[in-house]
C-alpha atoms as a PDB file:
ATOM      1  CA  MET A   1      -0.331  -8.175  14.195  1.00  0.00           C
ATOM      2  CA  LYS A   2      -2.049  -9.547  11.059  1.00  0.00           C
ATOM      3  CA  LEU A   3       1.054  -8.870   8.958  1.00  0.00           C
ATOM      4  CA  LEU A   4       3.342 -10.391  11.609  1.00  0.00           C
ATOM      5  CA  ILE A   5       1.336 -13.632  11.675  1.00  0.00           C
ATOM      6  CA  GLY A   6       1.344 -13.805   7.882  1.00  0.00           C
ATOM      7  CA  THR A   7       5.097 -13.148   7.772  1.00  0.00           C
ATOM      8  CA  LEU A   8       5.812 -15.952  10.253  1.00  0.00           C
ATOM      9  CA  LEU A   9       3.699 -18.424   8.262  1.00  0.00           C
ATOM     10  CA  LEU A  10       5.446 -17.497   5.014  1.00  0.00           C
ATOM     11  CA  ALA A  11       8.872 -17.691   6.645  1.00  0.00           C
ATOM     12  CA  ALA A  12       8.079 -21.219   7.804  1.00  0.00           C
ATOM     13  CA  PHE A  13       7.023 -22.250   4.287  1.00  0.00           C
ATOM     14  CA  PHE A  14       9.978 -20.757   2.456  1.00  0.00           C
ATOM     15  CA  THR A  15      12.514 -22.018   5.009  1.00  0.00           C
ATOM     16  CA  THR A  16      11.604 -25.592   4.114  1.00  0.00           C
ATOM     17  CA  SER A  17      11.525 -24.946   0.377  1.00  0.00           C
ATOM     18  CA  CYS A  18      14.695 -25.583  -1.626  1.00  0.00           C
ATOM     19  CA  ALA A  19      13.248 -24.110  -4.840  1.00  0.00           C
ATOM     20  CA  GLN A  20      12.718 -20.596  -3.490  1.00  0.00           C
ATOM     21  CA  GLN A  21      13.599 -17.755  -5.852  1.00  0.00           C
ATOM     22  CA  LYS A  22      13.559 -13.981  -5.466  1.00  0.00           C
ATOM     23  CA  LEU A  23      11.581 -12.391  -8.285  1.00  0.00           C
ATOM     24  CA  PHE A  24      12.652  -8.832  -7.447  1.00  0.00           C
ATOM     25  CA  ASN A  25      16.262  -7.993  -6.579  1.00  0.00           C
ATOM     26  CA  GLY A  26      15.516  -4.655  -4.873  1.00  0.00           C
ATOM     27  CA  LYS A  27      17.791  -2.780  -7.285  1.00  0.00           C
ATOM     28  CA  ASP A  28      16.299  -2.757 -10.789  1.00  0.00           C
ATOM     29  CA  LEU A  29      13.748  -4.430 -13.067  1.00  0.00           C
ATOM     30  CA  LYS A  30      16.002  -7.241 -14.246  1.00  0.00           C
ATOM     31  CA  GLY A  31      13.885 -10.251 -15.215  1.00  0.00           C
ATOM     32  CA  TRP A  32      10.787  -8.126 -15.830  1.00  0.00           C
ATOM     33  CA  LYS A  33       9.175  -6.487 -18.864  1.00  0.00           C
ATOM     34  CA  ILE A  34       7.069  -3.281 -18.921  1.00  0.00           C
ATOM     35  CA  HIS A  35       3.838  -3.190 -20.941  1.00  0.00           C
ATOM     36  CA  GLY A  36       2.208   0.210 -21.498  1.00  0.00           C
ATOM     37  CA  THR A  37       3.176   3.764 -20.554  1.00  0.00           C
ATOM     38  CA  GLU A  38       2.524   3.692 -16.810  1.00  0.00           C
ATOM     39  CA  LYS A  39       5.428   4.052 -14.366  1.00  0.00           C
ATOM     40  CA  TRP A  40       7.450   1.193 -12.855  1.00  0.00           C
ATOM     41  CA  TYR A  41      10.585   2.007 -10.854  1.00  0.00           C
ATOM     42  CA  VAL A  42      12.671   1.048  -7.835  1.00  0.00           C
ATOM     43  CA  GLU A  43      12.844   3.296  -4.767  1.00  0.00           C
ATOM     44  CA  ASN A  44      14.453   2.471  -1.418  1.00  0.00           C
ATOM     45  CA  GLY A  45      14.631  -1.196  -2.335  1.00  0.00           C
ATOM     46  CA  GLU A  46      10.909  -1.314  -3.179  1.00  0.00           C
ATOM     47  CA  LEU A  47       9.204  -1.811  -6.530  1.00  0.00           C
ATOM     48  CA  VAL A  48       6.773   1.040  -7.188  1.00  0.00           C
ATOM     49  CA  CYS A  49       3.948   1.184  -9.721  1.00  0.00           C
ATOM     50  CA  GLU A  50       2.371   4.550 -10.391  1.00  0.00           C
ATOM     51  CA  SER A  51      -0.103   5.956 -12.888  1.00  0.00           C
ATOM     52  CA  GLY A  52       1.442   7.870 -15.774  1.00  0.00           C
ATOM     53  CA  PRO A  53       0.060  10.729 -17.863  1.00  0.00           C
ATOM     54  CA  ASP A  54      -1.999   8.394 -20.064  1.00  0.00           C
ATOM     55  CA  LYS A  55      -3.888   6.983 -17.033  1.00  0.00           C
ATOM     56  CA  GLN A  56      -4.257   3.616 -18.748  1.00  0.00           C
ATOM     57  CA  TYR A  57      -3.762   0.005 -17.738  1.00  0.00           C
ATOM     58  CA  GLY A  58      -0.132  -0.962 -17.277  1.00  0.00           C
ATOM     59  CA  TYR A  59       1.628  -4.252 -16.536  1.00  0.00           C
ATOM     60  CA  LEU A  60       5.008  -5.486 -15.397  1.00  0.00           C
ATOM     61  CA  SER A  61       5.470  -9.139 -16.329  1.00  0.00           C
ATOM     62  CA  THR A  62       8.106 -11.728 -15.558  1.00  0.00           C
ATOM     63  CA  GLU A  63      10.211 -12.781 -18.515  1.00  0.00           C
ATOM     64  CA  LYS A  64       9.785 -16.410 -17.444  1.00  0.00           C
ATOM     65  CA  LYS A  65       6.611 -18.493 -17.373  1.00  0.00           C
ATOM     66  CA  TYR A  66       5.462 -20.141 -14.152  1.00  0.00           C
ATOM     67  CA  LYS A  67       2.982 -23.032 -14.166  1.00  0.00           C
ATOM     68  CA  ASN A  68       2.832 -24.470 -10.635  1.00  0.00           C
ATOM     69  CA  PHE A  69       4.097 -22.279  -7.836  1.00  0.00           C
ATOM     70  CA  GLU A  70       3.617 -20.575  -4.514  1.00  0.00           C
ATOM     71  CA  PHE A  71       4.149 -16.812  -4.739  1.00  0.00           C
ATOM     72  CA  ALA A  72       4.499 -14.324  -1.880  1.00  0.00           C
ATOM     73  CA  VAL A  73       4.765 -10.538  -1.853  1.00  0.00           C
ATOM     74  CA  GLN A  74       4.179  -7.617   0.465  1.00  0.00           C
ATOM     75  CA  PHE A  75       2.301  -4.599  -0.861  1.00  0.00           C
ATOM     76  CA  LYS A  76       1.436  -1.149   0.447  1.00  0.00           C
ATOM     77  CA  GLN A  77      -1.279   0.914  -1.227  1.00  0.00           C
ATOM     78  CA  GLU A  78      -0.771   4.648  -1.576  1.00  0.00           C
ATOM     79  CA  ALA A  79      -3.549   6.856  -2.958  1.00  0.00           C
ATOM     80  CA  ASN A  80      -5.897   4.566  -4.907  1.00  0.00           C
ATOM     81  CA  GLY A  81      -4.292   1.140  -4.575  1.00  0.00           C
ATOM     82  CA  ASN A  82      -6.206  -0.607  -7.352  1.00  0.00           C
ATOM     83  CA  SER A  83      -3.799  -3.201  -8.688  1.00  0.00           C
ATOM     84  CA  GLY A  84      -3.373  -6.952  -8.853  1.00  0.00           C
ATOM     85  CA  VAL A  85      -1.177  -9.975  -9.496  1.00  0.00           C
ATOM     86  CA  PHE A  86      -1.789 -11.942 -12.702  1.00  0.00           C
ATOM     87  CA  PHE A  87      -0.794 -15.587 -13.129  1.00  0.00           C
ATOM     88  CA  ARG A  88      -0.553 -17.978 -16.109  1.00  0.00           C
ATOM     89  CA  SER A  89      -1.037 -14.953 -18.337  1.00  0.00           C
ATOM     90  CA  SER A  90      -0.137 -13.677 -21.816  1.00  0.00           C
ATOM     91  CA  ILE A  91      -0.341 -10.205 -23.335  1.00  0.00           C
ATOM     92  CA  GLU A  92      -0.627  -8.331 -26.626  1.00  0.00           C
ATOM     93  CA  GLY A  93       0.125  -4.632 -26.207  1.00  0.00           C
ATOM     94  CA  THR A  94      -1.718  -3.968 -22.951  1.00  0.00           C
ATOM     95  CA  LYS A  95      -4.498  -6.515 -23.507  1.00  0.00           C
ATOM     96  CA  ILE A  96      -3.763  -9.210 -20.971  1.00  0.00           C
ATOM     97  CA  SER A  97      -5.299 -12.675 -20.901  1.00  0.00           C
ATOM     98  CA  GLY A  98      -5.199 -14.710 -17.710  1.00  0.00           C
ATOM     99  CA  TRP A  99      -6.235 -14.565 -14.079  1.00  0.00           C
ATOM    100  CA  GLN A 100      -5.807 -11.722 -11.639  1.00  0.00           C
ATOM    101  CA  VAL A 101      -5.627 -11.936  -7.868  1.00  0.00           C
ATOM    102  CA  GLU A 102      -7.137  -8.602  -6.930  1.00  0.00           C
ATOM    103  CA  VAL A 103      -5.263  -5.962  -4.919  1.00  0.00           C
ATOM    104  CA  ALA A 104      -7.661  -3.102  -4.255  1.00  0.00           C
ATOM    105  CA  PRO A 105      -8.965  -0.634  -1.649  1.00  0.00           C
ATOM    106  CA  LEU A 106     -10.927  -1.953   1.348  1.00  0.00           C
ATOM    107  CA  ASN A 107     -14.077  -3.949   0.491  1.00  0.00           C
ATOM    108  CA  SER A 108     -13.122  -4.144  -3.195  1.00  0.00           C
ATOM    109  CA  HIS A 109     -12.302  -7.894  -3.199  1.00  0.00           C
ATOM    110  CA  THR A 110      -8.561  -8.075  -2.483  1.00  0.00           C
ATOM    111  CA  GLY A 111      -7.595 -11.748  -2.749  1.00  0.00           C
ATOM    112  CA  GLY A 112     -10.425 -12.597  -5.149  1.00  0.00           C
ATOM    113  CA  ILE A 113      -9.762 -14.072  -8.601  1.00  0.00           C
ATOM    114  CA  TYR A 114     -10.841 -12.335 -11.813  1.00  0.00           C
ATOM    115  CA  GLU A 115     -10.513 -13.662 -15.367  1.00  0.00           C
ATOM    116  CA  SER A 116      -9.357 -10.873 -17.675  1.00  0.00           C
ATOM    117  CA  TYR A 117     -11.162 -10.621 -21.033  1.00  0.00           C
ATOM    118  CA  GLY A 118     -13.121 -13.743 -20.157  1.00  0.00           C
ATOM    119  CA  ARG A 119     -15.634 -14.722 -17.510  1.00  0.00           C
ATOM    120  CA  GLY A 120     -14.924 -11.822 -15.172  1.00  0.00           C
ATOM    121  CA  TRP A 121     -15.115 -12.513 -11.437  1.00  0.00           C
ATOM    122  CA  LEU A 122     -14.712 -16.219 -10.686  1.00  0.00           C
ATOM    123  CA  ILE A 123     -14.658 -15.919  -6.906  1.00  0.00           C
ATOM    124  CA  GLN A 124     -14.646 -13.098  -4.347  1.00  0.00           C
ATOM    125  CA  PRO A 125     -13.777 -13.133  -0.637  1.00  0.00           C
ATOM    126  CA  THR A 126     -16.549 -12.802   1.909  1.00  0.00           C
ATOM    127  CA  LYS A 127     -17.273  -9.478   3.597  1.00  0.00           C
ATOM    128  CA  GLU A 128     -15.648 -10.812   6.766  1.00  0.00           C
ATOM    129  CA  ASP A 129     -12.515 -11.857   4.869  1.00  0.00           C
ATOM    130  CA  GLU A 130     -12.241  -8.379   3.317  1.00  0.00           C
ATOM    131  CA  SER A 131     -11.476  -6.997   6.803  1.00  0.00           C
ATOM    132  CA  HIS A 132      -8.034  -8.637   6.784  1.00  0.00           C
ATOM    133  CA  LEU A 133      -6.713  -5.873   4.515  1.00  0.00           C
ATOM    134  CA  ILE A 134      -4.549  -3.414   6.479  1.00  0.00           C
ATOM    135  CA  VAL A 135      -5.308   0.050   5.099  1.00  0.00           C
ATOM    136  CA  GLY A 136      -2.322   2.370   4.665  1.00  0.00           C
ATOM    137  CA  ASP A 137       0.288  -0.180   5.729  1.00  0.00           C
ATOM    138  CA  TRP A 138       2.057  -3.285   4.463  1.00  0.00           C
ATOM    139  CA  ASN A 139       0.060  -6.420   3.650  1.00  0.00           C
ATOM    140  CA  GLU A 140       1.293  -9.881   2.741  1.00  0.00           C
ATOM    141  CA  LEU A 141      -0.290 -11.708  -0.193  1.00  0.00           C
ATOM    142  CA  ARG A 142       0.311 -15.369  -0.982  1.00  0.00           C
ATOM    143  CA  ILE A 143      -0.905 -17.194  -4.091  1.00  0.00           C
ATOM    144  CA  LYS A 144      -0.662 -20.947  -4.632  1.00  0.00           C
ATOM    145  CA  VAL A 145      -1.438 -22.403  -8.061  1.00  0.00           C
ATOM    146  CA  ILE A 146      -1.120 -26.138  -8.703  1.00  0.00           C
ATOM    147  CA  GLY A 147      -2.841 -27.799 -11.652  1.00  0.00           C
ATOM    148  CA  ASP A 148      -6.413 -26.544 -11.751  1.00  0.00           C
ATOM    149  CA  GLU A 149      -6.430 -25.277  -8.155  1.00  0.00           C
ATOM    150  CA  ALA A 150      -5.727 -21.710  -7.015  1.00  0.00           C
ATOM    151  CA  THR A 151      -5.696 -20.497  -3.397  1.00  0.00           C
ATOM    152  CA  THR A 152      -4.988 -17.043  -2.001  1.00  0.00           C
ATOM    153  CA  TRP A 153      -4.093 -15.776   1.469  1.00  0.00           C
ATOM    154  CA  LEU A 154      -3.941 -12.232   2.869  1.00  0.00           C
ATOM    155  CA  ASN A 155      -1.884 -11.664   6.001  1.00  0.00           C
ATOM    156  CA  GLY A 156      -1.987 -15.377   6.767  1.00  0.00           C
ATOM    157  CA  HIS A 157      -5.758 -15.694   6.304  1.00  0.00           C
ATOM    158  CA  GLN A 158      -7.110 -17.812   3.450  1.00  0.00           C
ATOM    159  CA  MET A 159      -9.224 -15.605   1.197  1.00  0.00           C
ATOM    160  CA  VAL A 160     -10.428 -17.884  -1.632  1.00  0.00           C
ATOM    161  CA  TYR A 161      -9.995 -21.368  -3.087  1.00  0.00           C
ATOM    162  CA  LEU A 162     -10.913 -22.141  -6.689  1.00  0.00           C
ATOM    163  CA  LYS A 163     -10.787 -25.292  -8.821  1.00  0.00           C
ATOM    164  CA  ASP A 164     -11.111 -24.502 -12.527  1.00  0.00           C
ATOM    165  CA  GLU A 165     -10.346 -26.557 -15.667  1.00  0.00           C
ATOM    166  CA  LYS A 166      -9.487 -23.495 -17.767  1.00  0.00           C
ATOM    167  CA  ILE A 167      -6.862 -22.380 -15.252  1.00  0.00           C
ATOM    168  CA  GLY A 168      -5.509 -25.927 -15.190  1.00  0.00           C
ATOM    169  CA  ALA A 169      -4.935 -25.938 -18.943  1.00  0.00           C
ATOM    170  CA  ALA A 170      -3.135 -22.574 -19.037  1.00  0.00           C
ATOM    171  CA  ASP A 171       0.482 -21.492 -18.714  1.00  0.00           C
ATOM    172  CA  GLY A 172       2.150 -18.090 -18.720  1.00  0.00           C
ATOM    173  CA  PHE A 173       3.904 -15.347 -16.814  1.00  0.00           C
ATOM    174  CA  ILE A 174       3.237 -13.547 -13.546  1.00  0.00           C
ATOM    175  CA  ALA A 175       2.455  -9.835 -13.838  1.00  0.00           C
ATOM    176  CA  LEU A 176       1.680  -6.859 -11.627  1.00  0.00           C
ATOM    177  CA  GLN A 177      -1.027  -4.443 -12.766  1.00  0.00           C
ATOM    178  CA  ILE A 178      -1.779  -0.737 -12.607  1.00  0.00           C
ATOM    179  CA  HIS A 179      -5.506  -0.150 -13.076  1.00  0.00           C
ATOM    180  CA  ASP A 180      -6.639   2.585 -15.452  1.00  0.00           C
ATOM    181  CA  GLY A 181      -8.149   5.887 -14.331  1.00  0.00           C
ATOM    182  CA  GLY A 182      -5.063   7.533 -12.832  1.00  0.00           C
ATOM    183  CA  GLY A 183      -4.166   8.358  -9.240  1.00  0.00           C
ATOM    184  CA  ILE A 184      -2.808   4.877  -8.453  1.00  0.00           C
ATOM    185  CA  LYS A 185       0.359   4.097  -6.529  1.00  0.00           C
ATOM    186  CA  VAL A 186       1.366   0.789  -4.949  1.00  0.00           C
ATOM    187  CA  ARG A 187       4.636  -0.330  -3.386  1.00  0.00           C
ATOM    188  CA  TRP A 188       5.855  -3.949  -3.508  1.00  0.00           C
ATOM    189  CA  ARG A 189       8.656  -5.732  -1.655  1.00  0.00           C
ATOM    190  CA  LYS A 190       9.895  -9.167  -0.522  1.00  0.00           C
ATOM    191  CA  MET A 191       8.656 -10.885  -3.664  1.00  0.00           C
ATOM    192  CA  LYS A 192       9.430 -14.603  -3.713  1.00  0.00           C
ATOM    193  CA  ILE A 193       8.341 -17.666  -5.626  1.00  0.00           C
ATOM    194  CA  ASN A 194       8.607 -21.358  -4.925  1.00  0.00           C
ATOM    195  CA  VAL A 195       8.404 -23.349  -8.178  1.00  0.00           C
ATOM    196  CA  ILE A 196       6.587 -26.655  -7.715  1.00  0.00           C
ATOM    197  CA  ARG A 197       7.681 -29.449 -10.059  1.00  0.00           C
END
């Protein structure tokens, strides 16, 4: 039910948006770039990230930069689902700079915003908000970034809102993450972005 409500809300938003773009074509990784040795592949129309033998951080970034946007994706965590969606980010090797919207196991702050190689956690969802994560099934994540404001939703429920000057001054790509440590597998689908001019 939570996912259905979130899907209906997102459908309403994207129906009225003329700037909607698909970020993932369901066939290959066209438009994306792999950073690191972890696994990124397409299976049954879904984008899959999976830990590789090195068990290190890995990233899949868009080739384009996105400043102001509304992004939506569905994810399903298999095994340890510790991942995330970075925005306005840059990278050298596998050292990423930017902001991550957390995707993690239950009660591990999914929907919160973390600054990589910077200030760390900027904002986390409340304990009550954490309960909106559907364990072992599909979830819908939405991220809206305009100027210095960032808002996240999980399954139609607002998780956090943040106003931050440093975010406002930044620009960069969107990226998916595989956390280090091994044993991680996450599936992604229905990835869309609405670019806000």
